[in-house]
C-alpha atoms as a PDB file:
ATOM      1  CA  MET A   1      26.623  -3.239 -28.816  1.00  0.00           C
ATOM      2  CA  ARG A   2      23.035  -4.595 -30.008  1.00  0.00           C
ATOM      3  CA  GLU A   3      21.610  -6.624 -27.798  1.00  0.00           C
ATOM      4  CA  ILE A   4      19.970 -10.835 -27.843  1.00  0.00           C
ATOM      5  CA  SER A   5      16.921 -10.667 -28.267  1.00  0.00           C
ATOM      6  CA  LEU A   6      14.919 -13.156 -26.359  1.00  0.00           C
ATOM      7  CA  ASP A   7      13.045 -13.908 -30.383  1.00  0.00           C
ATOM      8  CA  ARG A   8      16.102 -15.536 -31.469  1.00  0.00           C
ATOM      9  CA  LEU A   9      17.424 -17.267 -27.968  1.00  0.00           C
ATOM     10  CA  ARG A  10      13.093 -19.034 -28.290  1.00  0.00           C
ATOM     11  CA  THR A  11      14.012 -19.746 -31.441  1.00  0.00           C
ATOM     12  CA  LEU A  12      17.540 -21.367 -30.968  1.00  0.00           C
ATOM     13  CA  VAL A  13      15.682 -23.482 -28.581  1.00  0.00           C
ATOM     14  CA  GLU A  14      12.846 -24.958 -30.443  1.00  0.00           C
ATOM     15  CA  ILE A  15      15.373 -25.821 -33.923  1.00  0.00           C
ATOM     16  CA  THR A  16      17.112 -28.255 -30.573  1.00  0.00           C
ATOM     17  CA  ASP A  17      13.846 -28.810 -29.360  1.00  0.00           C
ATOM     18  CA  LEU A  18      12.533 -30.535 -31.988  1.00  0.00           C
ATOM     19  CA  GLY A  19      15.551 -31.354 -34.375  1.00  0.00           C
ATOM     20  CA  SER A  20      14.481 -29.276 -36.832  1.00  0.00           C
ATOM     21  CA  PHE A  21      14.068 -25.750 -38.340  1.00  0.00           C
ATOM     22  CA  ALA A  22      10.790 -26.347 -40.609  1.00  0.00           C
ATOM     23  CA  GLU A  23       8.788 -27.952 -37.281  1.00  0.00           C
ATOM     24  CA  ALA A  24      10.465 -24.626 -35.381  1.00  0.00           C
ATOM     25  CA  ALA A  25       8.629 -22.855 -38.138  1.00  0.00           C
ATOM     26  CA  ARG A  26       5.797 -24.263 -37.725  1.00  0.00           C
ATOM     27  CA  ARG A  27       5.724 -24.197 -33.795  1.00  0.00           C
ATOM     28  CA  LEU A  28       6.437 -20.152 -34.059  1.00  0.00           C
ATOM     29  CA  ASN A  29       4.532 -19.628 -37.012  1.00  0.00           C
ATOM     30  CA  LEU A  30       7.528 -17.844 -38.433  1.00  0.00           C
ATOM     31  CA  ALA A  31       8.275 -18.247 -42.303  1.00  0.00           C
ATOM     32  CA  PRO A  32      11.547 -20.964 -42.553  1.00  0.00           C
ATOM     33  CA  PRO A  33      14.004 -17.586 -43.997  1.00  0.00           C
ATOM     34  CA  THR A  34      12.742 -15.990 -40.900  1.00  0.00           C
ATOM     35  CA  ILE A  35      13.938 -19.415 -38.728  1.00  0.00           C
ATOM     36  CA  SER A  36      17.206 -19.787 -40.629  1.00  0.00           C
ATOM     37  CA  LEU A  37      18.276 -15.494 -40.611  1.00  0.00           C
ATOM     38  CA  HIS A  38      17.741 -15.965 -36.637  1.00  0.00           C
ATOM     39  CA  VAL A  39      20.068 -18.004 -36.013  1.00  0.00           C
ATOM     40  CA  ALA A  40      22.617 -16.810 -38.517  1.00  0.00           C
ATOM     41  CA  GLU A  41      22.303 -13.537 -36.420  1.00  0.00           C
ATOM     42  CA  LEU A  42      22.403 -15.426 -33.122  1.00  0.00           C
ATOM     43  CA  GLU A  43      25.855 -16.729 -34.734  1.00  0.00           C
ATOM     44  CA  ALA A  44      27.332 -13.630 -35.927  1.00  0.00           C
ATOM     45  CA  ARG A  45      26.512 -12.313 -32.705  1.00  0.00           C
ATOM     46  CA  VAL A  46      29.017 -14.889 -30.478  1.00  0.00           C
ATOM     47  CA  GLY A  47      30.850 -15.211 -34.031  1.00  0.00           C
ATOM     48  CA  ALA A  48      30.477 -19.046 -33.613  1.00  0.00           C
ATOM     49  CA  PRO A  49      28.702 -22.151 -35.054  1.00  0.00           C
ATOM     50  CA  LEU A  50      25.384 -23.266 -32.845  1.00  0.00           C
ATOM     51  CA  LEU A  51      23.911 -25.645 -34.775  1.00  0.00           C
ATOM     52  CA  THR A  52      25.328 -28.802 -36.783  1.00  0.00           C
ATOM     53  CA  ARG A  53      23.128 -31.241 -39.470  1.00  0.00           C
ATOM     54  CA  ASN A  54      23.946 -34.360 -40.311  1.00  0.00           C
ATOM     55  CA  ARG A  55      21.278 -36.682 -42.202  1.00  0.00           C
ATOM     56  CA  GLY A  56      18.429 -33.944 -41.238  1.00  0.00           C
ATOM     57  CA  GLN A  57      19.432 -33.836 -37.890  1.00  0.00           C
ATOM     58  CA  VAL A  58      20.063 -30.879 -36.142  1.00  0.00           C
ATOM     59  CA  ARG A  59      22.117 -30.837 -32.966  1.00  0.00           C
ATOM     60  CA  PRO A  60      23.828 -28.016 -31.165  1.00  0.00           C
ATOM     61  CA  THR A  61      27.540 -27.359 -30.763  1.00  0.00           C
ATOM     62  CA  ALA A  62      29.699 -27.300 -28.329  1.00  0.00           C
ATOM     63  CA  ILE A  63      28.943 -23.648 -27.785  1.00  0.00           C
ATOM     64  CA  GLY A  64      25.270 -23.922 -28.880  1.00  0.00           C
ATOM     65  CA  GLU A  65      24.960 -26.241 -25.544  1.00  0.00           C
ATOM     66  CA  THR A  66      26.573 -23.247 -23.703  1.00  0.00           C
ATOM     67  CA  LEU A  67      23.904 -20.867 -25.170  1.00  0.00           C
ATOM     68  CA  LEU A  68      21.219 -23.311 -24.310  1.00  0.00           C
ATOM     69  CA  ALA A  69      21.387 -23.471 -21.147  1.00  0.00           C
ATOM     70  CA  ARG A  70      21.423 -19.925 -20.507  1.00  0.00           C
ATOM     71  CA  ALA A  71      18.521 -19.248 -23.377  1.00  0.00           C
ATOM     72  CA  ARG A  72      16.278 -21.658 -21.124  1.00  0.00           C
ATOM     73  CA  ARG A  73      16.627 -19.934 -18.311  1.00  0.00           C
ATOM     74  CA  LEU A  74      16.673 -16.481 -19.603  1.00  0.00           C
ATOM     75  CA  LEU A  75      12.789 -17.622 -21.152  1.00  0.00           C
ATOM     76  CA  ALA A  76      11.763 -19.498 -18.103  1.00  0.00           C
ATOM     77  CA  ASP A  77      12.233 -15.800 -15.924  1.00  0.00           C
ATOM     78  CA  ALA A  78      10.615 -13.896 -18.789  1.00  0.00           C
ATOM     79  CA  ASP A  79       7.751 -16.798 -18.707  1.00  0.00           C
ATOM     80  CA  LEU A  80       7.560 -15.615 -14.629  1.00  0.00           C
ATOM     81  CA  ALA A  81       8.130 -12.086 -15.080  1.00  0.00           C
ATOM     82  CA  LEU A  82       5.119 -11.687 -17.406  1.00  0.00           C
ATOM     83  CA  ASP A  83       3.241 -14.430 -15.651  1.00  0.00           C
ATOM     84  CA  GLU A  84       3.250 -12.069 -12.098  1.00  0.00           C
ATOM     85  CA  VAL A  85       2.547  -9.130 -13.812  1.00  0.00           C
ATOM     86  CA  ARG A  86      -0.152 -10.984 -15.319  1.00  0.00           C
ATOM     87  CA  ARG A  87      -1.413 -12.206 -12.029  1.00  0.00           C
ATOM     88  CA  GLN A  88      -1.066  -8.526 -10.818  1.00  0.00           C
ATOM     89  CA  VAL A  89      -3.878  -6.777 -13.319  1.00  0.00           C
ATOM     90  CA  GLU A  90      -6.084  -9.734 -12.706  1.00  0.00           C
ATOM     91  CA  GLY A  91      -5.677  -8.188  -9.015  1.00  0.00           C
ATOM     92  CA  LEU A  92      -4.332 -11.885  -7.915  1.00  0.00           C
ATOM     93  CA  THR A  93      -1.407 -11.148  -6.676  1.00  0.00           C
ATOM     94  CA  GLY A  94      -0.236  -6.748  -5.940  1.00  0.00           C
ATOM     95  CA  ARG A  95       1.508  -4.836  -3.483  1.00  0.00           C
ATOM     96  CA  VAL A  96      -0.536  -1.630  -1.981  1.00  0.00           C
ATOM     97  CA  ARG A  97       1.400   1.180  -0.137  1.00  0.00           C
ATOM     98  CA  LEU A  98      -0.808   2.459   2.481  1.00  0.00           C
ATOM     99  CA  GLY A  99      -0.447   5.175   4.661  1.00  0.00           C
ATOM    100  CA  ALA A 100      -2.430   6.111   8.046  1.00  0.00           C
ATOM    101  CA  SER A 101      -1.986   7.490  11.370  1.00  0.00           C
ATOM    102  CA  THR A 102      -1.398   5.211  14.303  1.00  0.00           C
ATOM    103  CA  GLY A 103      -4.447   4.705  15.710  1.00  0.00           C
ATOM    104  CA  ALA A 104      -6.338   3.761  12.225  1.00  0.00           C
ATOM    105  CA  ILE A 105      -3.664   0.763  11.648  1.00  0.00           C
ATOM    106  CA  ALA A 106      -4.507  -0.243  14.698  1.00  0.00           C
ATOM    107  CA  HIS A 107      -8.102  -0.118  15.242  1.00  0.00           C
ATOM    108  CA  LEU A 108      -9.236   0.837  11.700  1.00  0.00           C
ATOM    109  CA  LEU A 109      -7.480  -1.289   9.477  1.00  0.00           C
ATOM    110  CA  PRO A 110      -6.924  -5.105  10.660  1.00  0.00           C
ATOM    111  CA  LYS A 111     -10.177  -6.142  10.222  1.00  0.00           C
ATOM    112  CA  ALA A 112     -10.123  -4.813   6.477  1.00  0.00           C
ATOM    113  CA  LEU A 113      -6.362  -6.816   6.670  1.00  0.00           C
ATOM    114  CA  GLU A 114      -8.478  -9.671   7.863  1.00  0.00           C
ATOM    115  CA  TYR A 115     -10.929  -9.678   5.536  1.00  0.00           C
ATOM    116  CA  LEU A 116      -8.541  -9.085   2.305  1.00  0.00           C
ATOM    117  CA  ARG A 117      -6.384 -12.424   3.410  1.00  0.00           C
ATOM    118  CA  GLU A 118      -9.381 -14.289   3.493  1.00  0.00           C
ATOM    119  CA  VAL A 119     -10.888 -13.199  -0.406  1.00  0.00           C
ATOM    120  CA  HIS A 120      -7.220 -11.912  -2.329  1.00  0.00           C
ATOM    121  CA  PRO A 121      -4.918 -14.071  -0.182  1.00  0.00           C
ATOM    122  CA  GLY A 122      -1.690 -13.141  -3.390  1.00  0.00           C
ATOM    123  CA  ILE A 123      -2.025  -8.798  -2.031  1.00  0.00           C
ATOM    124  CA  ASP A 124       0.658  -7.694   0.201  1.00  0.00           C
ATOM    125  CA  VAL A 125      -0.290  -3.933   1.589  1.00  0.00           C
ATOM    126  CA  GLN A 126       2.471  -2.401   3.038  1.00  0.00           C
ATOM    127  CA  VAL A 127       1.127  -0.182   5.880  1.00  0.00           C
ATOM    128  CA  GLN A 128       3.488   3.402   6.884  1.00  0.00           C
ATOM    129  CA  VAL A 129       2.771   5.185  10.016  1.00  0.00           C
ATOM    130  CA  LEU A 130       2.119   9.258   8.164  1.00  0.00           C
ATOM    131  CA  THR A 131       0.137  12.384   8.719  1.00  0.00           C
ATOM    132  CA  SER A 132      -2.417  13.394   6.206  1.00  0.00           C
ATOM    133  CA  GLN A 133      -0.240  15.804   5.294  1.00  0.00           C
ATOM    134  CA  ALA A 134       2.959  13.488   5.118  1.00  0.00           C
ATOM    135  CA  SER A 135       0.445  10.858   2.827  1.00  0.00           C
ATOM    136  CA  LEU A 136      -1.111  13.189   0.747  1.00  0.00           C
ATOM    137  CA  ALA A 137       2.359  14.340  -0.856  1.00  0.00           C
ATOM    138  CA  ARG A 138       3.739  10.662  -1.005  1.00  0.00           C
ATOM    139  CA  LEU A 139       0.135  10.191  -3.099  1.00  0.00           C
ATOM    140  CA  ARG A 140       1.335  13.005  -5.505  1.00  0.00           C
ATOM    141  CA  GLU A 141       4.884  11.509  -5.949  1.00  0.00           C
ATOM    142  CA  GLY A 142       3.603   8.432  -6.170  1.00  0.00           C
ATOM    143  CA  ALA A 143       4.938   6.509  -3.484  1.00  0.00           C
ATOM    144  CA  LEU A 144       1.989   5.507  -2.372  1.00  0.00           C
ATOM    145  CA  ASP A 145      -1.432   4.175  -3.533  1.00  0.00           C
ATOM    146  CA  ILE A 146      -4.033   4.900  -0.777  1.00  0.00           C
ATOM    147  CA  GLY A 147      -3.777   7.077   2.739  1.00  0.00           C
ATOM    148  CA  LEU A 148      -6.409   8.055   5.205  1.00  0.00           C
ATOM    149  CA  VAL A 149      -6.487  11.181   5.494  1.00  0.00           C
ATOM    150  CA  ALA A 150      -8.342  13.651   8.436  1.00  0.00           C
ATOM    151  CA  LEU A 151     -10.497  15.703   6.585  1.00  0.00           C
ATOM    152  CA  PRO A 152     -11.095  18.015   5.130  1.00  0.00           C
ATOM    153  CA  GLN A 153      -8.282  18.060   3.175  1.00  0.00           C
ATOM    154  CA  VAL A 154      -7.465  19.903  -0.653  1.00  0.00           C
ATOM    155  CA  ALA A 155      -6.741  16.653  -3.149  1.00  0.00           C
ATOM    156  CA  GLY A 156      -4.988  18.879  -4.908  1.00  0.00           C
ATOM    157  CA  LYS A 157      -4.489  18.013  -8.918  1.00  0.00           C
ATOM    158  CA  GLY A 158      -4.467  14.300  -9.561  1.00  0.00           C
ATOM    159  CA  LEU A 159      -5.493  13.135  -6.409  1.00  0.00           C
ATOM    160  CA  LYS A 160      -9.032  12.522  -4.919  1.00  0.00           C
ATOM    161  CA  ILE A 161     -10.692  12.021  -1.701  1.00  0.00           C
ATOM    162  CA  THR A 162     -14.055  10.459  -0.251  1.00  0.00           C
ATOM    163  CA  PRO A 163     -15.098  10.557   2.628  1.00  0.00           C
ATOM    164  CA  TRP A 164     -14.755   7.005   4.232  1.00  0.00           C
ATOM    165  CA  ARG A 165     -15.858   7.743   8.889  1.00  0.00           C
ATOM    166  CA  ARG A 166     -17.289   9.888  11.221  1.00  0.00           C
ATOM    167  CA  ASP A 167     -15.854   8.819  14.804  1.00  0.00           C
ATOM    168  CA  PRO A 168     -16.391  10.793  17.330  1.00  0.00           C
ATOM    169  CA  ILE A 169     -14.001  12.538  19.395  1.00  0.00           C
ATOM    170  CA  LEU A 170     -13.874  11.945  23.718  1.00  0.00           C
ATOM    171  CA  ALA A 171     -12.374  13.329  26.543  1.00  0.00           C
ATOM    172  CA  TYR A 172      -9.697  10.109  28.229  1.00  0.00           C
ATOM    173  CA  VAL A 173      -8.555  11.043  31.567  1.00  0.00           C
ATOM    174  CA  PRO A 174      -7.415  10.198  34.977  1.00  0.00           C
ATOM    175  CA  ALA A 175     -10.401   8.131  36.683  1.00  0.00           C
ATOM    176  CA  ASP A 176      -9.559   9.332  39.505  1.00  0.00           C
ATOM    177  CA  TRP A 177     -10.131  12.801  38.598  1.00  0.00           C
ATOM    178  CA  GLN A 178     -13.818  12.515  38.306  1.00  0.00           C
ATOM    179  CA  PRO A 179     -14.475  13.410  35.314  1.00  0.00           C
ATOM    180  CA  PRO A 180     -18.458  15.056  34.787  1.00  0.00           C
ATOM    181  CA  ALA A 181     -20.941  12.801  32.651  1.00  0.00           C
ATOM    182  CA  LYS A 182     -20.257  14.820  29.446  1.00  0.00           C
ATOM    183  CA  VAL A 183     -16.651  17.143  29.539  1.00  0.00           C
ATOM    184  CA  THR A 184     -16.534  20.732  28.162  1.00  0.00           C
ATOM    185  CA  PRO A 185     -13.774  22.558  26.858  1.00  0.00           C
ATOM    186  CA  ALA A 186     -14.072  25.580  30.500  1.00  0.00           C
ATOM    187  CA  TRP A 187     -13.779  21.672  32.673  1.00  0.00           C
ATOM    188  CA  LEU A 188     -10.915  20.684  30.674  1.00  0.00           C
ATOM    189  CA  ALA A 189      -8.995  23.113  29.610  1.00  0.00           C
ATOM    190  CA  GLN A 190      -8.226  23.473  34.111  1.00  0.00           C
ATOM    191  CA  ARG A 191      -6.194  20.556  33.868  1.00  0.00           C
ATOM    192  CA  ALA A 192      -2.745  19.188  33.140  1.00  0.00           C
ATOM    193  CA  LEU A 193      -2.954  17.695  28.759  1.00  0.00           C
ATOM    194  CA  ILE A 194      -1.803  15.671  26.206  1.00  0.00           C
ATOM    195  CA  LEU A 195      -2.158  16.969  22.525  1.00  0.00           C
ATOM    196  CA  ASN A 196      -1.280  15.952  19.137  1.00  0.00           C
ATOM    197  CA  ASP A 197       0.765  18.181  18.032  1.00  0.00           C
ATOM    198  CA  ASN A 198       0.124  20.940  15.072  1.00  0.00           C
ATOM    199  CA  SER A 199       1.137  19.357  12.298  1.00  0.00           C
ATOM    200  CA  THR A 200      -2.035  17.084  12.271  1.00  0.00           C
ATOM    201  CA  GLN A 201      -5.929  18.044  11.351  1.00  0.00           C
ATOM    202  CA  LEU A 202      -6.489  16.333  15.137  1.00  0.00           C
ATOM    203  CA  SER A 203      -5.133  18.986  16.421  1.00  0.00           C
ATOM    204  CA  ARG A 204      -6.749  21.504  14.592  1.00  0.00           C
ATOM    205  CA  VAL A 205     -10.181  20.168  15.259  1.00  0.00           C
ATOM    206  CA  THR A 206      -9.664  20.433  18.868  1.00  0.00           C
ATOM    207  CA  GLY A 207      -8.113  24.180  18.920  1.00  0.00           C
ATOM    208  CA  GLU A 208     -11.379  25.026  17.699  1.00  0.00           C
ATOM    209  CA  TRP A 209     -13.400  23.187  19.921  1.00  0.00           C
ATOM    210  CA  PHE A 210     -11.231  25.068  22.851  1.00  0.00           C
ATOM    211  CA  ALA A 211     -11.418  28.461  20.866  1.00  0.00           C
ATOM    212  CA  ALA A 212     -14.617  28.771  20.403  1.00  0.00           C
ATOM    213  CA  ALA A 213     -15.500  28.742  24.235  1.00  0.00           C
ATOM    214  CA  GLY A 214     -12.780  31.170  23.611  1.00  0.00           C
ATOM    215  CA  LEU A 215      -9.659  29.142  25.305  1.00  0.00           C
ATOM    216  CA  PHE A 216      -6.780  28.596  24.270  1.00  0.00           C
ATOM    217  CA  PRO A 217      -4.962  25.715  26.531  1.00  0.00           C
ATOM    218  CA  GLU A 218      -1.041  24.935  26.492  1.00  0.00           C
ATOM    219  CA  PRO A 219      -1.033  21.021  26.487  1.00  0.00           C
ATOM    220  CA  ARG A 220       1.693  19.742  28.994  1.00  0.00           C
ATOM    221  CA  ILE A 221       3.358  17.762  25.846  1.00  0.00           C
ATOM    222  CA  GLU A 222       2.380  17.053  22.701  1.00  0.00           C
ATOM    223  CA  LEU A 223       2.696  13.708  21.007  1.00  0.00           C
ATOM    224  CA  ASN A 224       0.727  12.115  17.873  1.00  0.00           C
ATOM    225  CA  TYR A 225       0.654   8.373  19.023  1.00  0.00           C
ATOM    226  CA  ASN A 226      -2.661   7.607  20.512  1.00  0.00           C
ATOM    227  CA  ASP A 227      -1.658   4.759  22.416  1.00  0.00           C
ATOM    228  CA  ALA A 228       0.898   5.995  23.906  1.00  0.00           C
ATOM    229  CA  ILE A 229      -0.941   9.139  24.751  1.00  0.00           C
ATOM    230  CA  LYS A 230      -3.695   6.468  26.920  1.00  0.00           C
ATOM    231  CA  SER A 231      -0.624   5.376  28.590  1.00  0.00           C
ATOM    232  CA  LEU A 232       0.278   8.816  30.045  1.00  0.00           C
ATOM    233  CA  VAL A 233      -3.495   9.469  30.587  1.00  0.00           C
ATOM    234  CA  GLY A 234      -3.704   5.715  32.502  1.00  0.00           C
ATOM    235  CA  ALA A 235      -0.461   7.145  34.976  1.00  0.00           C
ATOM    236  CA  GLY A 236      -2.227  10.750  35.800  1.00  0.00           C
ATOM    237  CA  TYR A 237      -0.008  12.582  33.345  1.00  0.00           C
ATOM    238  CA  GLY A 238      -2.404  14.387  31.783  1.00  0.00           C
ATOM    239  CA  ALA A 239      -5.930  14.440  30.132  1.00  0.00           C
ATOM    240  CA  THR A 240      -6.825  14.502  26.190  1.00  0.00           C
ATOM    241  CA  LEU A 241      -8.593  13.794  23.155  1.00  0.00           C
ATOM    242  CA  LEU A 242      -8.858  11.595  20.959  1.00  0.00           C
ATOM    243  CA  PRO A 243     -11.039   9.622  18.140  1.00  0.00           C
ATOM    244  CA  GLN A 244     -13.078   6.477  19.116  1.00  0.00           C
ATOM    245  CA  GLU A 245     -11.648   4.374  16.067  1.00  0.00           C
ATOM    246  CA  GLY A 246     -14.103   1.265  15.504  1.00  0.00           C
ATOM    247  CA  GLU A 247     -15.112  -0.790  18.542  1.00  0.00           C
ATOM    248  CA  ALA A 248     -14.440   0.579  22.005  1.00  0.00           C
ATOM    249  CA  PRO A 249     -12.493  -1.570  23.024  1.00  0.00           C
ATOM    250  CA  GLU A 250     -11.729  -2.176  27.303  1.00  0.00           C
ATOM    251  CA  LEU A 251      -9.807   0.659  28.583  1.00  0.00           C
ATOM    252  CA  ASP A 252      -7.320   0.743  31.538  1.00  0.00           C
ATOM    253  CA  ARG A 253      -9.886   0.846  34.805  1.00  0.00           C
ATOM    254  CA  ARG A 254      -7.391   4.564  35.915  1.00  0.00           C
ATOM    255  CA  ILE A 255      -8.628   5.823  31.833  1.00  0.00           C
ATOM    256  CA  ALA A 256     -12.094   7.114  32.792  1.00  0.00           C
ATOM    257  CA  ARG A 257     -13.777   8.069  28.767  1.00  0.00           C
ATOM    258  CA  ARG A 258     -16.254  10.790  28.654  1.00  0.00           C
ATOM    259  CA  PRO A 259     -17.570  12.360  25.260  1.00  0.00           C
ATOM    260  CA  LEU A 260     -17.947  16.267  24.670  1.00  0.00           C
ATOM    261  CA  ARG A 261     -20.231  19.098  24.798  1.00  0.00           C
ATOM    262  CA  PRO A 262     -20.481  20.610  22.585  1.00  0.00           C
ATOM    263  CA  GLY A 263     -20.035  17.797  20.490  1.00  0.00           C
ATOM    264  CA  LEU A 264     -17.087  16.907  18.034  1.00  0.00           C
ATOM    265  CA  TRP A 265     -16.592  14.788  15.422  1.00  0.00           C
ATOM    266  CA  ARG A 266     -13.164  13.611  13.736  1.00  0.00           C
ATOM    267  CA  GLN A 267     -14.115  12.516  10.148  1.00  0.00           C
ATOM    268  CA  LEU A 268     -11.609  10.405   7.670  1.00  0.00           C
ATOM    269  CA  GLY A 269     -11.463  10.429   4.121  1.00  0.00           C
ATOM    270  CA  ILE A 270     -10.152   7.999   1.313  1.00  0.00           C
ATOM    271  CA  ALA A 271      -7.018   9.805  -0.643  1.00  0.00           C
ATOM    272  CA  CYS A 272      -6.152   8.085  -3.953  1.00  0.00           C
ATOM    273  CA  ARG A 273      -5.042   9.023  -7.089  1.00  0.00           C
ATOM    274  CA  GLU A 274      -7.738   9.756  -9.542  1.00  0.00           C
ATOM    275  CA  GLY A 275      -8.313   7.677 -12.295  1.00  0.00           C
ATOM    276  CA  GLN A 276      -9.037   3.761 -12.438  1.00  0.00           C
ATOM    277  CA  ALA A 277      -6.763   2.170  -9.851  1.00  0.00           C
ATOM    278  CA  GLU A 278      -5.130  -1.118 -10.370  1.00  0.00           C
ATOM    279  CA  ARG A 279      -6.746  -4.382  -9.696  1.00  0.00           C
ATOM    280  CA  ALA A 280      -4.760  -4.655  -6.359  1.00  0.00           C
ATOM    281  CA  THR A 281      -5.439  -0.939  -5.036  1.00  0.00           C
ATOM    282  CA  ALA A 282      -8.963  -1.744  -5.852  1.00  0.00           C
ATOM    283  CA  HIS A 283      -9.337  -4.636  -3.329  1.00  0.00           C
ATOM    284  CA  VAL A 284      -7.919  -2.903  -0.591  1.00  0.00           C
ATOM    285  CA  LEU A 285     -10.393  -0.013  -1.602  1.00  0.00           C
ATOM    286  CA  GLU A 286     -13.234  -2.088  -1.093  1.00  0.00           C
ATOM    287  CA  ALA A 287     -12.137  -3.599   1.673  1.00  0.00           C
ATOM    288  CA  LEU A 288     -11.892  -0.166   3.553  1.00  0.00           C
ATOM    289  CA  GLU A 289     -15.427   0.461   2.150  1.00  0.00           C
ATOM    290  CA  ARG A 290     -16.731  -2.442   4.146  1.00  0.00           C
ATOM    291  CA  LEU A 291     -15.327  -0.979   7.245  1.00  0.00           C
ATOM    292  CA  LEU A 292     -18.283   1.767   7.021  1.00  0.00           C
END
């Protein structure tokens, strides 16, 4: 069954509003026979007359009035949809899906989101807690627009990764353990540890730091939620290695934070699809780059 064209409905509305086929043809920049054809097609589609002519004045029939009411709503919805799309194309509105670790979401994203709210209030950033590998997988599937990922990573076909931040990895230790000014692998390996699991790049980086000293400690527990890890450190459950993300917040007094010897760094990159990004995505990328 053939659908009713919005163009035909617009013709019907214009004829009714102007009261004339000729005036509607001029308004729509169409030939008069085309206007008549549009009406004939609509009447054939519904199986009843839609307009009457009386002394040169065109008026809708009762059935025509019913169709006109629906037509006005449909045309208004279509215009609204096109306006929303136009605003999104121009970067005035839009939804951007972003994946990141809990640490990046808690300590890095707030400033970027605050900037976006000030300069691009129509952009909605939907944040998902994801590992780097999960972010890359969803980018490839088209289910994500931006991923904050720990480096190094293999982007793969269709994706690009731009280096973004380099943050020091520090030891977080119960204060009553009286840690040295700089924590070494040998000192830390003798203590109970709370570390990220092997699905994370942080786990690989810290494992290599211990391995370079010939050490392969077994963690007491593995977690991927940094704030939960710090709470356990504060309770004296163990020590951990975590990046210092953003400005150093005031720590729980029960936790001592120490630099490492040798030093260790966590590098983050911004992953997105290759090619020109949509305007909304480009605005979010700009806000993230301001955090450098």
